[in-house]
Every structure is written in C-alpha cells, then in structure tokens.
Amino acid sequence: MNPNLEFHKQKLAEILERDKRGELKTYSKEEFEALQKKHDQELLEKYANNKKVSGQ
C-alpha cells in the first residue's frame, strides 16, 4: 500500500473524528488568508536561516 495514501487517509479520519466531536475551528476567508500568509512568512524565514547555517 502507498504510505503517502495511508498517511492522508489517517489524517482525514482524524479530521472527521474531530469534526464529530465539534472540535474543528472554521475560519473566514480573511482569517485563513492571514494565517496562510503568517505560515508562509515563517517558512521563508526558516529557509533563509537554514541557508545561513549551511553556509550557502
């Protein structure tokens, strides 16, 4: 079996279970875009720091 497929099936099962329990948070489009922008910025900073550490 494809390990990637199994991983995503497990994650989907976890999400559906959390939804059943009412634990999922929903976001407005603006909230989602702000979170996505913050996450992207954190990844860019992490990547830049990794390049500095590796001496590239």
N, C-alpha and C. Protein backbone atom coordinates (compact mmCIF):
# COMPACT_ATOMS: atom_id res chain seq x y z
N MET A 1 0.85 -1.19 0.00
CA MET A 1 0.00 0.00 0.00
C MET A 1 0.90 1.24 0.00
N ASN A 2 0.43 2.27 -0.61
CA ASN A 2 1.15 3.53 -0.71
C ASN A 2 1.19 4.22 0.66
N PRO A 3 2.40 4.43 1.24
CA PRO A 3 2.47 5.05 2.57
C PRO A 3 1.91 6.47 2.59
N ASN A 4 2.06 7.20 1.49
CA ASN A 4 1.53 8.56 1.42
C ASN A 4 0.00 8.53 1.49
N LEU A 5 -0.60 7.59 0.78
CA LEU A 5 -2.05 7.45 0.80
C LEU A 5 -2.53 7.09 2.21
N GLU A 6 -1.83 6.19 2.86
CA GLU A 6 -2.20 5.78 4.21
C GLU A 6 -2.12 6.96 5.18
N PHE A 7 -1.08 7.78 5.04
CA PHE A 7 -0.92 8.96 5.89
C PHE A 7 -2.12 9.89 5.73
N HIS A 8 -2.51 10.15 4.48
CA HIS A 8 -3.61 11.08 4.23
C HIS A 8 -4.95 10.49 4.66
N LYS A 9 -5.11 9.19 4.52
CA LYS A 9 -6.33 8.55 5.00
C LYS A 9 -6.43 8.68 6.52
N GLN A 10 -5.31 8.51 7.21
CA GLN A 10 -5.29 8.64 8.67
C GLN A 10 -5.61 10.07 9.08
N LYS A 11 -5.01 11.05 8.40
CA LYS A 11 -5.26 12.46 8.72
C LYS A 11 -6.73 12.80 8.49
N LEU A 12 -7.30 12.31 7.39
CA LEU A 12 -8.71 12.56 7.11
C LEU A 12 -9.59 11.96 8.20
N ALA A 13 -9.26 10.75 8.63
CA ALA A 13 -10.02 10.10 9.70
C ALA A 13 -9.96 10.93 10.98
N GLU A 14 -8.78 11.48 11.29
CA GLU A 14 -8.63 12.32 12.49
C GLU A 14 -9.47 13.58 12.37
N ILE A 15 -9.45 14.20 11.19
CA ILE A 15 -10.23 15.43 10.98
C ILE A 15 -11.72 15.15 11.12
N LEU A 16 -12.18 14.06 10.52
CA LEU A 16 -13.60 13.72 10.60
C LEU A 16 -14.01 13.42 12.04
N GLU A 17 -13.13 12.77 12.79
CA GLU A 17 -13.43 12.47 14.19
C GLU A 17 -13.51 13.77 15.01
N ARG A 18 -12.58 14.68 14.77
CA ARG A 18 -12.61 15.97 15.48
C ARG A 18 -13.86 16.76 15.12
N ASP A 19 -14.29 16.65 13.86
CA ASP A 19 -15.50 17.34 13.42
C ASP A 19 -16.71 16.78 14.16
N LYS A 20 -16.76 15.47 14.30
CA LYS A 20 -17.87 14.83 15.02
C LYS A 20 -17.96 15.33 16.46
N ARG A 21 -16.80 15.53 17.07
CA ARG A 21 -16.75 15.98 18.46
C ARG A 21 -16.94 17.50 18.57
N GLY A 22 -17.02 18.18 17.45
CA GLY A 22 -17.20 19.63 17.45
C GLY A 22 -15.94 20.40 17.79
N GLU A 23 -14.79 19.81 17.54
CA GLU A 23 -13.52 20.44 17.92
C GLU A 23 -12.87 21.22 16.78
N LEU A 24 -13.43 21.16 15.59
CA LEU A 24 -12.81 21.88 14.47
C LEU A 24 -13.19 23.35 14.51
N LYS A 25 -12.23 24.19 14.18
CA LYS A 25 -12.49 25.62 14.10
C LYS A 25 -12.64 25.99 12.64
N THR A 26 -13.61 26.81 12.35
CA THR A 26 -13.76 27.30 10.98
C THR A 26 -13.23 28.73 10.92
N TYR A 27 -12.71 29.09 9.78
CA TYR A 27 -12.12 30.40 9.59
C TYR A 27 -12.84 31.13 8.46
N SER A 28 -12.92 32.44 8.60
CA SER A 28 -13.40 33.26 7.49
C SER A 28 -12.28 33.29 6.45
N LYS A 29 -12.62 33.74 5.26
CA LYS A 29 -11.61 33.83 4.19
C LYS A 29 -10.45 34.72 4.63
N GLU A 30 -10.77 35.82 5.28
CA GLU A 30 -9.74 36.76 5.71
C GLU A 30 -8.84 36.14 6.79
N GLU A 31 -9.45 35.44 7.75
CA GLU A 31 -8.67 34.78 8.80
C GLU A 31 -7.74 33.73 8.19
N PHE A 32 -8.28 32.94 7.27
CA PHE A 32 -7.48 31.90 6.63
C PHE A 32 -6.31 32.50 5.87
N GLU A 33 -6.57 33.54 5.09
CA GLU A 33 -5.50 34.18 4.32
C GLU A 33 -4.43 34.77 5.22
N ALA A 34 -4.84 35.35 6.36
CA ALA A 34 -3.87 35.90 7.30
C ALA A 34 -3.01 34.79 7.90
N LEU A 35 -3.63 33.69 8.28
CA LEU A 35 -2.88 32.56 8.82
C LEU A 35 -1.94 31.97 7.77
N GLN A 36 -2.42 31.87 6.55
CA GLN A 36 -1.60 31.33 5.48
C GLN A 36 -0.39 32.24 5.22
N LYS A 37 -0.61 33.53 5.20
CA LYS A 37 0.48 34.49 4.98
C LYS A 37 1.52 34.39 6.11
N LYS A 38 1.03 34.29 7.35
CA LYS A 38 1.93 34.15 8.50
C LYS A 38 2.75 32.87 8.38
N HIS A 39 2.10 31.78 8.02
CA HIS A 39 2.79 30.50 7.87
C HIS A 39 3.84 30.57 6.76
N ASP A 40 3.46 31.16 5.63
CA ASP A 40 4.40 31.30 4.51
C ASP A 40 5.62 32.13 4.92
N GLN A 41 5.39 33.21 5.67
CA GLN A 41 6.50 34.05 6.13
C GLN A 41 7.42 33.28 7.06
N GLU A 42 6.84 32.48 7.96
CA GLU A 42 7.64 31.67 8.87
C GLU A 42 8.49 30.66 8.10
N LEU A 43 7.91 30.06 7.06
CA LEU A 43 8.68 29.12 6.25
C LEU A 43 9.82 29.82 5.52
N LEU A 44 9.56 31.02 4.98
CA LEU A 44 10.61 31.76 4.29
C LEU A 44 11.75 32.11 5.24
N GLU A 45 11.41 32.52 6.46
CA GLU A 45 12.43 32.86 7.44
C GLU A 45 13.22 31.62 7.85
N LYS A 46 12.53 30.51 8.04
CA LYS A 46 13.20 29.26 8.41
C LYS A 46 14.15 28.83 7.29
N TYR A 47 13.68 28.92 6.05
CA TYR A 47 14.53 28.54 4.91
C TYR A 47 15.75 29.45 4.83
N ALA A 48 15.56 30.75 5.02
CA ALA A 48 16.68 31.70 4.97
C ALA A 48 17.68 31.39 6.07
N ASN A 49 17.18 31.08 7.27
CA ASN A 49 18.08 30.74 8.38
C ASN A 49 18.84 29.45 8.10
N ASN A 50 18.19 28.47 7.48
CA ASN A 50 18.85 27.22 7.16
C ASN A 50 19.95 27.43 6.12
N LYS A 51 19.72 28.33 5.17
CA LYS A 51 20.74 28.62 4.17
C LYS A 51 21.94 29.28 4.83
N LYS A 52 21.69 30.18 5.80
CA LYS A 52 22.79 30.86 6.50
C LYS A 52 23.62 29.85 7.29
N VAL A 53 22.96 28.93 7.97
CA VAL A 53 23.63 27.93 8.79
C VAL A 53 24.48 27.00 7.93
N SER A 54 23.95 26.62 6.78
CA SER A 54 24.68 25.69 5.92
C SER A 54 25.78 26.40 5.12
N GLY A 55 25.83 27.73 5.21
CA GLY A 55 26.89 28.49 4.54
C GLY A 55 26.66 28.71 3.06
N GLN A 56 25.45 28.58 2.62
CA GLN A 56 25.17 28.79 1.19
C GLN A 56 24.93 30.23 0.89
